PDB file of N, CA and C in Angstrom:
ATOM      1  N   UNK A   1     -14.637  -3.886   3.370  1.00  0.00           N
ATOM      2  CA  UNK A   1     -12.690  -3.695   3.429  1.00  0.00           C
ATOM      3  C   UNK A   1     -12.391  -4.722   4.236  1.00  0.00           C
ATOM      4  N   UNK A   2     -11.528  -5.282   3.901  1.00  0.00           N
ATOM      5  CA  UNK A   2     -10.820  -6.424   5.032  1.00  0.00           C
ATOM      6  C   UNK A   2     -10.171  -6.267   6.025  1.00  0.00           C
ATOM      7  N   UNK A   3     -10.039  -6.648   6.902  1.00  0.00           N
ATOM      8  CA  UNK A   3     -10.036  -6.331   8.693  1.00  0.00           C
ATOM      9  C   UNK A   3      -8.744  -6.478   8.566  1.00  0.00           C
ATOM     10  N   UNK A   4      -7.947  -7.019   7.674  1.00  0.00           N
ATOM     11  CA  UNK A   4      -6.200  -7.642   7.326  1.00  0.00           C
ATOM     12  C   UNK A   4      -5.304  -6.056   6.477  1.00  0.00           C
ATOM     13  N   UNK A   5      -6.194  -5.260   6.241  1.00  0.00           N
ATOM     14  CA  UNK A   5      -6.017  -4.106   5.284  1.00  0.00           C
ATOM     15  C   UNK A   5      -6.029  -3.028   6.335  1.00  0.00           C
ATOM     16  N   UNK A   6      -5.032  -2.079   6.556  1.00  0.00           N
ATOM     17  CA  UNK A   6      -4.738  -0.912   8.345  1.00  0.00           C
ATOM     18  C   UNK A   6      -4.835   0.621   6.641  1.00  0.00           C
ATOM     19  N   UNK A   7      -5.778   0.720   7.354  1.00  0.00           N
ATOM     20  CA  UNK A   7      -5.844   2.030   7.023  1.00  0.00           C
ATOM     21  C   UNK A   7      -5.247   3.080   7.777  1.00  0.00           C
ATOM     22  N   UNK A   8      -3.995   3.589   7.622  1.00  0.00           N
ATOM     23  CA  UNK A   8      -3.371   4.984   8.151  1.00  0.00           C
ATOM     24  C   UNK A   8      -3.264   6.661   7.973  1.00  0.00           C
ATOM     25  N   UNK A   9      -2.718   7.152   8.843  1.00  0.00           N
ATOM     26  CA  UNK A   9      -2.889   8.308   8.628  1.00  0.00           C
ATOM     27  C   UNK A   9      -1.543   9.085   8.922  1.00  0.00           C
ATOM     28  N   UNK A  10      -1.043  10.405   8.077  1.00  0.00           N
ATOM     29  CA  UNK A  10      -0.353  11.042   8.443  1.00  0.00           C
ATOM     30  C   UNK A  10       0.582  11.023   9.840  1.00  0.00           C
ATOM     31  N   UNK A  11      -0.039  11.277  10.982  1.00  0.00           N
ATOM     32  CA  UNK A  11       0.571  10.862  12.430  1.00  0.00           C
ATOM     33  C   UNK A  11       1.071   9.452  12.728  1.00  0.00           C
ATOM     34  N   UNK A  12      -0.128   8.719  12.113  1.00  0.00           N
ATOM     35  CA  UNK A  12       0.259   6.825  12.216  1.00  0.00           C
ATOM     36  C   UNK A  12       0.989   6.501  10.918  1.00  0.00           C
ATOM     37  N   UNK A  13       1.677   7.463  10.192  1.00  0.00           N
ATOM     38  CA  UNK A  13       1.992   6.686   9.100  1.00  0.00           C
ATOM     39  C   UNK A  13       3.249   5.774   9.503  1.00  0.00           C
ATOM     40  N   UNK A  14       4.336   6.548  10.017  1.00  0.00           N
ATOM     41  CA  UNK A  14       5.732   6.016  10.796  1.00  0.00           C
ATOM     42  C   UNK A  14       5.480   4.593  11.688  1.00  0.00           C
ATOM     43  N   UNK A  15       4.463   4.481  12.264  1.00  0.00           N
ATOM     44  CA  UNK A  15       4.325   3.079  13.489  1.00  0.00           C
ATOM     45  C   UNK A  15       3.490   2.026  12.265  1.00  0.00           C
ATOM     46  N   UNK A  16       2.660   2.234  11.687  1.00  0.00           N
ATOM     47  CA  UNK A  16       1.920   1.541  10.769  1.00  0.00           C
ATOM     48  C   UNK A  16       2.918   1.143   9.785  1.00  0.00           C
ATOM     49  N   UNK A  17       4.024   2.085   8.754  1.00  0.00           N
ATOM     50  CA  UNK A  17       4.872   1.769   8.080  1.00  0.00           C
ATOM     51  C   UNK A  17       6.049   1.100   7.802  1.00  0.00           C
ATOM     52  N   UNK A  18       6.963   2.325   8.396  1.00  0.00           N
ATOM     53  CA  UNK A  18       8.457   2.585   8.407  1.00  0.00           C
ATOM     54  C   UNK A  18       8.748   1.609   9.528  1.00  0.00           C
ATOM     55  N   UNK A  19       8.083   1.337  10.925  1.00  0.00           N
ATOM     56  CA  UNK A  19       8.401   1.113  12.270  1.00  0.00           C
ATOM     57  C   UNK A  19       7.664  -0.772  11.986  1.00  0.00           C
ATOM     58  N   UNK A  20       7.484  -1.668  10.464  1.00  0.00           N
ATOM     59  CA  UNK A  20       6.658  -2.695  10.543  1.00  0.00           C
ATOM     60  C   UNK A  20       8.005  -3.600  10.743  1.00  0.00           C
ATOM     61  N   UNK A  21       7.627  -5.028  11.265  1.00  0.00           N
ATOM     62  CA  UNK A  21       8.802  -5.887  11.105  1.00  0.00           C
ATOM     63  C   UNK A  21       8.447  -6.808  10.372  1.00  0.00           C
ATOM     64  N   UNK A  22       7.790  -6.720   9.170  1.00  0.00           N
ATOM     65  CA  UNK A  22       7.246  -7.653   8.167  1.00  0.00           C
ATOM     66  C   UNK A  22       7.509  -6.601   7.125  1.00  0.00           C
ATOM     67  N   UNK A  23       7.398  -6.693   5.681  1.00  0.00           N
ATOM     68  CA  UNK A  23       7.160  -5.494   4.413  1.00  0.00           C
ATOM     69  C   UNK A  23       5.528  -5.937   4.552  1.00  0.00           C
ATOM     70  N   UNK A  24       5.986  -4.012   4.303  1.00  0.00           N
ATOM     71  CA  UNK A  24       4.406  -3.341   3.766  1.00  0.00           C
ATOM     72  C   UNK A  24       4.138  -2.634   2.695  1.00  0.00           C
ATOM     73  N   UNK A  25       3.315  -3.224   1.801  1.00  0.00           N
ATOM     74  CA  UNK A  25       2.341  -3.100   0.750  1.00  0.00           C
ATOM     75  C   UNK A  25       1.710  -1.687   0.787  1.00  0.00           C
ATOM     76  N   UNK A  26       1.727   0.132  -0.033  1.00  0.00           N
ATOM     77  CA  UNK A  26       1.833   0.610   0.865  1.00  0.00           C
ATOM     78  C   UNK A  26       0.649   1.245  -0.334  1.00  0.00           C
ATOM     79  N   UNK A  27      -0.931   1.319  -0.416  1.00  0.00           N
ATOM     80  CA  UNK A  27      -1.799   1.658  -1.349  1.00  0.00           C
ATOM     81  C   UNK A  27      -2.149   3.843  -1.295  1.00  0.00           C
ATOM     82  N   UNK A  28      -1.234   4.270  -1.802  1.00  0.00           N
ATOM     83  CA  UNK A  28      -1.693   5.792  -1.706  1.00  0.00           C
ATOM     84  C   UNK A  28      -2.986   5.809  -3.155  1.00  0.00           C
ATOM     85  N   UNK A  29      -4.389   6.380  -2.348  1.00  0.00           N
ATOM     86  CA  UNK A  29      -5.675   6.110  -3.182  1.00  0.00           C
ATOM     87  C   UNK A  29      -6.382   7.070  -2.799  1.00  0.00           C
ATOM     88  N   UNK A  30      -7.908   7.094  -3.351  1.00  0.00           N
ATOM     89  CA  UNK A  30      -8.510   8.114  -3.505  1.00  0.00           C
ATOM     90  C   UNK A  30      -9.866   7.798  -3.633  1.00  0.00           C
ATOM     91  N   UNK A  31     -11.122   8.276  -2.732  1.00  0.00           N
ATOM     92  CA  UNK A  31     -12.387   7.481  -3.103  1.00  0.00           C
ATOM     93  C   UNK A  31     -12.745   8.314  -4.583  1.00  0.00           C
ATOM     94  N   UNK A  32     -12.517   9.124  -5.378  1.00  0.00           N
ATOM     95  CA  UNK A  32     -13.028   9.051  -6.506  1.00  0.00           C
ATOM     96  C   UNK A  32     -12.152   8.540  -7.796  1.00  0.00           C
ATOM     97  N   UNK A  33     -11.518   7.911  -7.390  1.00  0.00           N
ATOM     98  CA  UNK A  33     -10.044   7.333  -8.189  1.00  0.00           C
ATOM     99  C   UNK A  33     -10.867   5.871  -8.918  1.00  0.00           C
ATOM    100  N   UNK A  34     -10.949   6.003 -10.305  1.00  0.00           N
ATOM    101  CA  UNK A  34     -11.403   4.493 -10.070  1.00  0.00           C
ATOM    102  C   UNK A  34     -10.755   3.446 -10.683  1.00  0.00           C
ATOM    103  N   UNK A  35      -9.387   3.360 -11.069  1.00  0.00           N
ATOM    104  CA  UNK A  35      -8.380   2.793 -10.991  1.00  0.00           C
ATOM    105  C   UNK A  35      -8.312   2.219  -9.328  1.00  0.00           C
ATOM    106  N   UNK A  36      -8.008   3.736  -8.580  1.00  0.00           N
ATOM    107  CA  UNK A  36      -8.045   3.048  -6.974  1.00  0.00           C
ATOM    108  C   UNK A  36      -9.347   2.023  -6.388  1.00  0.00           C
ATOM    109  N   UNK A  37     -10.222   2.285  -6.399  1.00  0.00           N
ATOM    110  CA  UNK A  37     -11.855   1.448  -6.729  1.00  0.00           C
ATOM    111  C   UNK A  37     -11.455  -0.160  -7.008  1.00  0.00           C
ATOM    112  N   UNK A  38     -11.037  -0.235  -8.682  1.00  0.00           N
ATOM    113  CA  UNK A  38     -10.595  -1.674  -8.912  1.00  0.00           C
ATOM    114  C   UNK A  38      -9.622  -2.160  -8.419  1.00  0.00           C
ATOM    115  N   UNK A  39      -8.557  -1.586  -7.729  1.00  0.00           N
ATOM    116  CA  UNK A  39      -7.383  -2.738  -7.346  1.00  0.00           C
ATOM    117  C   UNK A  39      -7.822  -3.299  -5.946  1.00  0.00           C
ATOM    118  N   UNK A  40      -9.057  -1.879  -5.304  1.00  0.00           N
ATOM    119  CA  UNK A  40      -9.604  -2.453  -4.445  1.00  0.00           C
ATOM    120  C   UNK A  40      -9.285  -4.244  -3.738  1.00  0.00           C
ATOM    121  N   UNK A  41     -10.172  -5.202  -4.321  1.00  0.00           N
ATOM    122  CA  UNK A  41     -10.706  -6.602  -4.017  1.00  0.00           C
ATOM    123  C   UNK A  41      -9.622  -6.888  -4.210  1.00  0.00           C
ATOM    124  N   UNK A  42      -8.424  -6.731  -5.286  1.00  0.00           N
ATOM    125  CA  UNK A  42      -6.889  -7.320  -5.806  1.00  0.00           C
ATOM    126  C   UNK A  42      -5.967  -7.172  -3.974  1.00  0.00           C
ATOM    127  N   UNK A  43      -6.327  -5.777  -3.283  1.00  0.00           N
ATOM    128  CA  UNK A  43      -5.383  -6.028  -2.366  1.00  0.00           C
ATOM    129  C   UNK A  43      -6.131  -6.621  -1.298  1.00  0.00           C
ATOM    130  N   UNK A  44      -7.230  -6.759  -1.003  1.00  0.00           N
ATOM    131  CA  UNK A  44      -8.071  -7.406  -0.403  1.00  0.00           C
ATOM    132  C   UNK A  44      -7.426  -9.061   0.450  1.00  0.00           C
ATOM    133  N   UNK A  45      -7.191  -9.699  -1.541  1.00  0.00           N
ATOM    134  CA  UNK A  45      -6.410 -11.306  -1.670  1.00  0.00           C
ATOM    135  C   UNK A  45      -5.313 -11.003  -1.494  1.00  0.00           C
ATOM    136  N   UNK A  46      -4.545  -9.721  -1.381  1.00  0.00           N
ATOM    137  CA  UNK A  46      -3.022 -10.460  -0.908  1.00  0.00           C
ATOM    138  C   UNK A  46      -2.763 -10.117   0.364  1.00  0.00           C
ATOM    139  N   UNK A  47      -3.585  -9.246   0.628  1.00  0.00           N
ATOM    140  CA  UNK A  47      -3.389  -9.225   2.024  1.00  0.00           C
ATOM    141  C   UNK A  47      -4.418 -10.167   2.630  1.00  0.00           C
ATOM    142  N   UNK A  48      -5.319 -11.328   2.203  1.00  0.00           N
ATOM    143  CA  UNK A  48      -5.425 -12.418   3.172  1.00  0.00           C
ATOM    144  C   UNK A  48      -4.196 -13.344   2.299  1.00  0.00           C
ATOM    145  N   UNK A  49      -3.490 -13.381   1.485  1.00  0.00           N
ATOM    146  CA  UNK A  49      -2.987 -14.298   1.445  1.00  0.00           C
ATOM    147  C   UNK A  49      -1.083 -14.485   1.810  1.00  0.00           C
ATOM    148  N   UNK A  50      -0.931 -13.417   1.608  1.00  0.00           N
ATOM    149  CA  UNK A  50       0.280 -12.753   2.441  1.00  0.00           C
ATOM    150  C   UNK A  50       0.113 -12.937   4.127  1.00  0.00           C
ATOM    151  N   UNK A  51      -1.141 -12.755   4.643  1.00  0.00           N
ATOM    152  CA  UNK A  51      -1.265 -12.616   6.361  1.00  0.00           C
ATOM    153  C   UNK A  51      -0.023 -13.201   6.796  1.00  0.00           C
ATOM    154  N   UNK A  52       0.298 -12.354   8.396  1.00  0.00           N
ATOM    155  CA  UNK A  52       1.939 -13.172   8.490  1.00  0.00           C
ATOM    156  C   UNK A  52       2.880 -11.991   7.675  1.00  0.00           C
ATOM    157  N   UNK A  53       3.252 -12.504   6.372  1.00  0.00           N
ATOM    158  CA  UNK A  53       3.979 -11.842   5.568  1.00  0.00           C
ATOM    159  C   UNK A  53       4.559 -10.738   5.248  1.00  0.00           C
ATOM    160  N   UNK A  54       3.783 -10.110   4.524  1.00  0.00           N
ATOM    161  CA  UNK A  54       2.869  -8.336   4.684  1.00  0.00           C
ATOM    162  C   UNK A  54       2.157  -7.717   4.887  1.00  0.00           C
ATOM    163  N   UNK A  55       2.176  -6.811   5.185  1.00  0.00           N
ATOM    164  CA  UNK A  55       1.017  -5.738   5.681  1.00  0.00           C
ATOM    165  C   UNK A  55       1.104  -4.887   4.758  1.00  0.00           C
ATOM    166  N   UNK A  56      -0.542  -4.968   4.530  1.00  0.00           N
ATOM    167  CA  UNK A  56      -1.143  -4.086   3.030  1.00  0.00           C
ATOM    168  C   UNK A  56      -1.932  -2.628   4.051  1.00  0.00           C
ATOM    169  N   UNK A  57      -1.263  -1.353   3.718  1.00  0.00           N
ATOM    170  CA  UNK A  57      -1.654  -0.367   4.620  1.00  0.00           C
ATOM    171  C   UNK A  57      -1.760   0.368   3.248  1.00  0.00           C
ATOM    172  N   UNK A  58      -3.697   1.185   3.013  1.00  0.00           N
ATOM    173  CA  UNK A  58      -3.903   2.104   2.800  1.00  0.00           C
ATOM    174  C   UNK A  58      -3.864   3.522   3.049  1.00  0.00           C
ATOM    175  N   UNK A  59      -3.244   4.747   2.332  1.00  0.00           N
ATOM    176  CA  UNK A  59      -3.392   6.144   2.246  1.00  0.00           C
ATOM    177  C   UNK A  59      -4.326   7.010   1.486  1.00  0.00           C
ATOM    178  N   UNK A  60      -5.174   7.236   2.214  1.00  0.00           N
ATOM    179  CA  UNK A  60      -6.627   8.253   1.023  1.00  0.00           C
ATOM    180  C   UNK A  60      -5.543   9.273   1.113  1.00  0.00           C
ATOM    181  N   UNK A  61      -5.263  10.088  -0.076  1.00  0.00           N
ATOM    182  CA  UNK A  61      -4.183  11.176  -0.651  1.00  0.00           C
ATOM    183  C   UNK A  61      -5.519  12.000   0.281  1.00  0.00           C
ATOM    184  N   UNK A  62      -6.261  12.105  -0.109  1.00  0.00           N
ATOM    185  CA  UNK A  62      -7.573  13.549  -0.020  1.00  0.00           C
ATOM    186  C   UNK A  62      -6.980  13.773   1.382  1.00  0.00           C
ATOM    187  N   UNK A  63      -7.420  12.687   2.449  1.00  0.00           N
ATOM    188  CA  UNK A  63      -7.410  13.004   3.941  1.00  0.00           C
ATOM    189  C   UNK A  63      -6.058  12.890   4.649  1.00  0.00           C
ATOM    190  N   UNK A  64      -5.152  12.599   4.398  1.00  0.00           N
ATOM    191  CA  UNK A  64      -3.905  12.450   4.426  1.00  0.00           C
ATOM    192  C   UNK A  64      -2.398  13.290   3.676  1.00  0.00           C
ATOM    193  N   UNK A  65      -2.872  14.669   3.317  1.00  0.00           N
ATOM    194  CA  UNK A  65      -1.781  14.151   2.082  1.00  0.00           C
ATOM    195  C   UNK A  65      -0.203  14.470   1.844  1.00  0.00           C
ATOM    196  N   UNK A  66      -0.273  14.605   3.739  1.00  0.00           N
ATOM    197  CA  UNK A  66       1.546  15.169   4.039  1.00  0.00           C
ATOM    198  C   UNK A  66       1.964  13.958   3.603  1.00  0.00           C
ATOM    199  N   UNK A  67       1.490  13.134   3.537  1.00  0.00           N
ATOM    200  CA  UNK A  67       2.096  10.701   3.777  1.00  0.00           C
ATOM    201  C   UNK A  67       2.466  11.437   1.725  1.00  0.00           C
ATOM    202  N   UNK A  68       1.287  11.571   0.798  1.00  0.00           N
ATOM    203  CA  UNK A  68       1.605  11.553   0.182  1.00  0.00           C
ATOM    204  C   UNK A  68       2.640  12.295  -0.446  1.00  0.00           C
ATOM    205  N   UNK A  69       2.599  14.093   0.209  1.00  0.00           N
ATOM    206  CA  UNK A  69       3.333  15.192  -0.414  1.00  0.00           C
ATOM    207  C   UNK A  69       4.480  14.064   0.111  1.00  0.00           C
ATOM    208  N   UNK A  70       5.155  13.699   0.982  1.00  0.00           N
ATOM    209  CA  UNK A  70       6.325  13.392   1.498  1.00  0.00           C
ATOM    210  C   UNK A  70       7.217  12.105   0.613  1.00  0.00           C
ATOM    211  N   UNK A  71       6.140  11.330  -0.214  1.00  0.00           N
ATOM    212  CA  UNK A  71       6.781  10.849  -1.110  1.00  0.00           C
ATOM    213  C   UNK A  71       6.636  11.098  -2.243  1.00  0.00           C
ATOM    214  N   UNK A  72       6.296  12.087  -3.067  1.00  0.00           N
ATOM    215  CA  UNK A  72       6.276  12.845  -3.847  1.00  0.00           C
ATOM    216  C   UNK A  72       5.426  11.894  -4.519  1.00  0.00           C
ATOM    217  N   UNK A  73       3.786  11.331  -4.638  1.00  0.00           N
ATOM    218  CA  UNK A  73       2.956  10.680  -5.021  1.00  0.00           C
ATOM    219  C   UNK A  73       2.519  11.618  -5.881  1.00  0.00           C
ATOM    220  N   UNK A  74       1.900  11.542  -7.371  1.00  0.00           N
ATOM    221  CA  UNK A  74       1.090  12.509  -8.643  1.00  0.00           C
ATOM    222  C   UNK A  74       0.572  11.787  -8.781  1.00  0.00           C
ATOM    223  N   UNK A  75       0.496  10.510  -9.265  1.00  0.00           N
ATOM    224  CA  UNK A  75      -0.829   9.663  -9.812  1.00  0.00           C
ATOM    225  C   UNK A  75      -1.288   8.619  -8.553  1.00  0.00           C
ATOM    226  N   UNK A  76      -2.346   8.154  -8.790  1.00  0.00           N
ATOM    227  CA  UNK A  76      -3.091   7.049  -7.758  1.00  0.00           C
ATOM    228  C   UNK A  76      -3.747   6.337  -8.503  1.00  0.00           C
ATOM    229  N   UNK A  77      -3.696   5.437  -8.796  1.00  0.00           N
ATOM    230  CA  UNK A  77      -2.794   4.520  -7.346  1.00  0.00           C
ATOM    231  C   UNK A  77      -1.071   4.663  -7.624  1.00  0.00           C
ATOM    232  N   UNK A  78      -0.597   4.705  -6.284  1.00  0.00           N
ATOM    233  CA  UNK A  78       0.581   4.684  -6.280  1.00  0.00           C
ATOM    234  C   UNK A  78       0.840   3.249  -5.517  1.00  0.00           C
ATOM    235  N   UNK A  79       1.530   2.466  -5.556  1.00  0.00           N
ATOM    236  CA  UNK A  79       2.152   1.488  -4.379  1.00  0.00           C
ATOM    237  C   UNK A  79       3.386   0.738  -4.040  1.00  0.00           C
ATOM    238  N   UNK A  80       3.825   1.180  -3.142  1.00  0.00           N
ATOM    239  CA  UNK A  80       5.036   0.656  -2.616  1.00  0.00           C
ATOM    240  C   UNK A  80       5.847  -0.005  -1.535  1.00  0.00           C
ATOM    241  N   UNK A  81       6.534  -0.765  -1.497  1.00  0.00           N
ATOM    242  CA  UNK A  81       6.478  -1.895  -0.915  1.00  0.00           C
ATOM    243  C   UNK A  81       7.810  -0.817   0.236  1.00  0.00           C
ATOM    244  N   UNK A  82       7.491  -0.828   1.156  1.00  0.00           N
ATOM    245  CA  UNK A  82       8.550  -0.986   2.936  1.00  0.00           C
ATOM    246  C   UNK A  82       9.164  -2.295   3.428  1.00  0.00           C
ATOM    247  N   UNK A  83      10.510  -1.831   2.984  1.00  0.00           N
ATOM    248  CA  UNK A  83      11.172  -3.570   4.008  1.00  0.00           C
ATOM    249  C   UNK A  83      11.806  -2.806   4.710  1.00  0.00           C
ATOM    250  N   UNK A  84      11.484  -2.837   6.176  1.00  0.00           N
ATOM    251  CA  UNK A  84      12.964  -2.373   6.936  1.00  0.00           C
ATOM    252  C   UNK A  84      12.659  -1.008   6.964  1.00  0.00           C
ATOM    253  N   UNK A  85      11.919   0.095   7.399  1.00  0.00           N
ATOM    254  CA  UNK A  85      11.723   1.317   7.207  1.00  0.00           C
ATOM    255  C   UNK A  85      12.385   2.061   5.679  1.00  0.00           C
ATOM    256  N   UNK A  86      12.353   1.310   5.135  1.00  0.00           N
ATOM    257  CA  UNK A  86      13.294   2.102   3.519  1.00  0.00           C
ATOM    258  C   UNK A  86      12.307   1.684   2.059  1.00  0.00           C
ATOM    259  N   UNK A  87      11.987   2.302   1.929  1.00  0.00           N
ATOM    260  CA  UNK A  87      10.919   1.750   0.091  1.00  0.00           C
ATOM    261  C   UNK A  87      11.716   1.263  -0.382  1.00  0.00           C
ATOM    262  N   UNK A  88      11.523   0.050  -0.605  1.00  0.00           N
ATOM    263  CA  UNK A  88      12.424  -0.921  -1.941  1.00  0.00           C
ATOM    264  C   UNK A  88      11.985  -1.311  -3.080  1.00  0.00           C
ATOM    265  N   UNK A  89      10.271  -0.384  -3.574  1.00  0.00           N
ATOM    266  CA  UNK A  89       9.935  -1.082  -4.711  1.00  0.00           C
ATOM    267  C   UNK A  89       8.787  -0.028  -5.029  1.00  0.00           C
ATOM    268  N   UNK A  90       8.354  -0.231  -6.096  1.00  0.00           N
ATOM    269  CA  UNK A  90       7.123   1.074  -6.458  1.00  0.00           C
ATOM    270  C   UNK A  90       6.844   0.415  -8.050  1.00  0.00           C
ATOM    271  N   UNK A  91       5.047   0.509  -7.849  1.00  0.00           N
ATOM    272  CA  UNK A  91       4.156   0.042  -8.897  1.00  0.00           C
ATOM    273  C   UNK A  91       3.172   1.750  -8.864  1.00  0.00           C
ATOM    274  N   UNK A  92       3.099   2.182 -10.139  1.00  0.00           N
ATOM    275  CA  UNK A  92       1.497   3.022 -10.394  1.00  0.00           C
ATOM    276  C   UNK A  92       0.296   2.443 -11.592  1.00  0.00           C
ATOM    277  N   UNK A  93      -0.172   3.356 -11.236  1.00  0.00           N
ATOM    278  CA  UNK A  93      -1.208   2.356 -11.717  1.00  0.00           C
ATOM    279  C   UNK A  93      -2.084   0.887 -11.743  1.00  0.00           C
ATOM    280  N   UNK A  94      -2.950   0.921 -12.126  1.00  0.00           N
ATOM    281  CA  UNK A  94      -3.837   0.283 -11.895  1.00  0.00           C
ATOM    282  C   UNK A  94      -2.950  -1.340 -12.422  1.00  0.00           C
ATOM    283  N   UNK A  95      -2.685  -2.681 -11.373  1.00  0.00           N
ATOM    284  CA  UNK A  95      -1.873  -3.982 -11.531  1.00  0.00           C
ATOM    285  C   UNK A  95      -3.076  -4.956 -11.433  1.00  0.00           C
ATOM    286  N   UNK A  96      -2.462  -6.025 -12.314  1.00  0.00           N
ATOM    287  CA  UNK A  96      -3.131  -7.212 -11.876  1.00  0.00           C
ATOM    288  C   UNK A  96      -2.817  -7.860 -10.259  1.00  0.00           C
ATOM    289  N   UNK A  97      -3.320  -8.836  -9.931  1.00  0.00           N
ATOM    290  CA  UNK A  97      -2.518  -9.107  -8.647  1.00  0.00           C
ATOM    291  C   UNK A  97      -1.380 -10.305  -8.785  1.00  0.00           C
ATOM    292  N   UNK A  98      -1.601 -10.754  -9.907  1.00  0.00           N
ATOM    293  CA  UNK A  98      -0.146 -11.828 -10.456  1.00  0.00           C
ATOM    294  C   UNK A  98       0.951 -10.906 -10.161  1.00  0.00           C
ATOM    295  N   UNK A  99       0.937  -9.577 -11.339  1.00  0.00           N
ATOM    296  CA  UNK A  99       2.245  -8.546 -11.173  1.00  0.00           C
ATOM    297  C   UNK A  99       2.372  -8.029 -10.040  1.00  0.00           C
ATOM    298  N   UNK A 100       1.516  -7.593  -8.907  1.00  0.00           N
ATOM    299  CA  UNK A 100       1.648  -7.522  -7.200  1.00  0.00           C
ATOM    300  C   UNK A 100       2.155  -8.532  -6.850  1.00  0.00           C
ATOM    301  N   UNK A 101       1.550  -9.776  -6.668  1.00  0.00           N
ATOM    302  CA  UNK A 101       2.803 -10.749  -6.170  1.00  0.00           C
ATOM    303  C   UNK A 101       3.953 -10.818  -6.403  1.00  0.00           C
ATOM    304  N   UNK A 102       4.331 -10.623  -7.979  1.00  0.00           N
ATOM    305  CA  UNK A 102       5.884 -10.905  -8.361  1.00  0.00           C
ATOM    306  C   UNK A 102       6.345  -9.992  -7.856  1.00  0.00           C
ATOM    307  N   UNK A 103       5.852  -8.681  -7.122  1.00  0.00           N
ATOM    308  CA  UNK A 103       6.897  -7.702  -6.723  1.00  0.00           C
ATOM    309  C   UNK A 103       6.964  -7.969  -5.301  1.00  0.00           C
ATOM    310  N   UNK A 104       5.549  -8.565  -4.583  1.00  0.00           N
ATOM    311  CA  UNK A 104       5.782  -8.858  -3.167  1.00  0.00           C
ATOM    312  C   UNK A 104       7.020  -9.531  -2.656  1.00  0.00           C
ATOM    313  N   UNK A 105       6.696 -10.943  -3.864  1.00  0.00           N
ATOM    314  CA  UNK A 105       7.159 -12.230  -3.559  1.00  0.00           C
ATOM    315  C   UNK A 105       9.491 -12.004  -3.747  1.00  0.00           C
ATOM    316  N   UNK A 106       9.161 -10.422  -4.200  1.00  0.00           N
ATOM    317  CA  UNK A 106      10.869 -10.623  -4.413  1.00  0.00           C
ATOM    318  C   UNK A 106      11.164  -9.737  -2.896  1.00  0.00           C
ATOM    319  N   UNK A 107      10.173  -9.597  -1.933  1.00  0.00           N
ATOM    320  CA  UNK A 107      10.867  -8.654  -0.827  1.00  0.00           C
ATOM    321  C   UNK A 107      10.460  -9.644   0.457  1.00  0.00           C
ATOM    322  N   UNK A 108       9.804 -10.788  -0.065  1.00  0.00           N
ATOM    323  CA  UNK A 108       8.674 -11.637   1.359  1.00  0.00           C
ATOM    324  C   UNK A 108      10.353 -12.439   1.622  1.00  0.00           C
TER     325      UNK A 108
END
């Protein structure tokens, strides 16, 4: 996985996401989830292309269920965009790089 992607925890979520000075794309995922594995290379590409403009953060919902519960995650992958500590966008399910770039471009 890319060094540009942050794997956060329940205890670090606020610092990694809500207190970020750039928009954050958060991927709620699990190791057993096929679509989550399929979207991983897309997230790596986006982390590289949006470096310095957007932070990409992953939350393993099995290991960090408090974060998933806090935001009402029912399906994975679910991706949220946070800006200035607020959730400003979301998408559920496997998305293309172009679709995710469109979402990010609205908040950069």
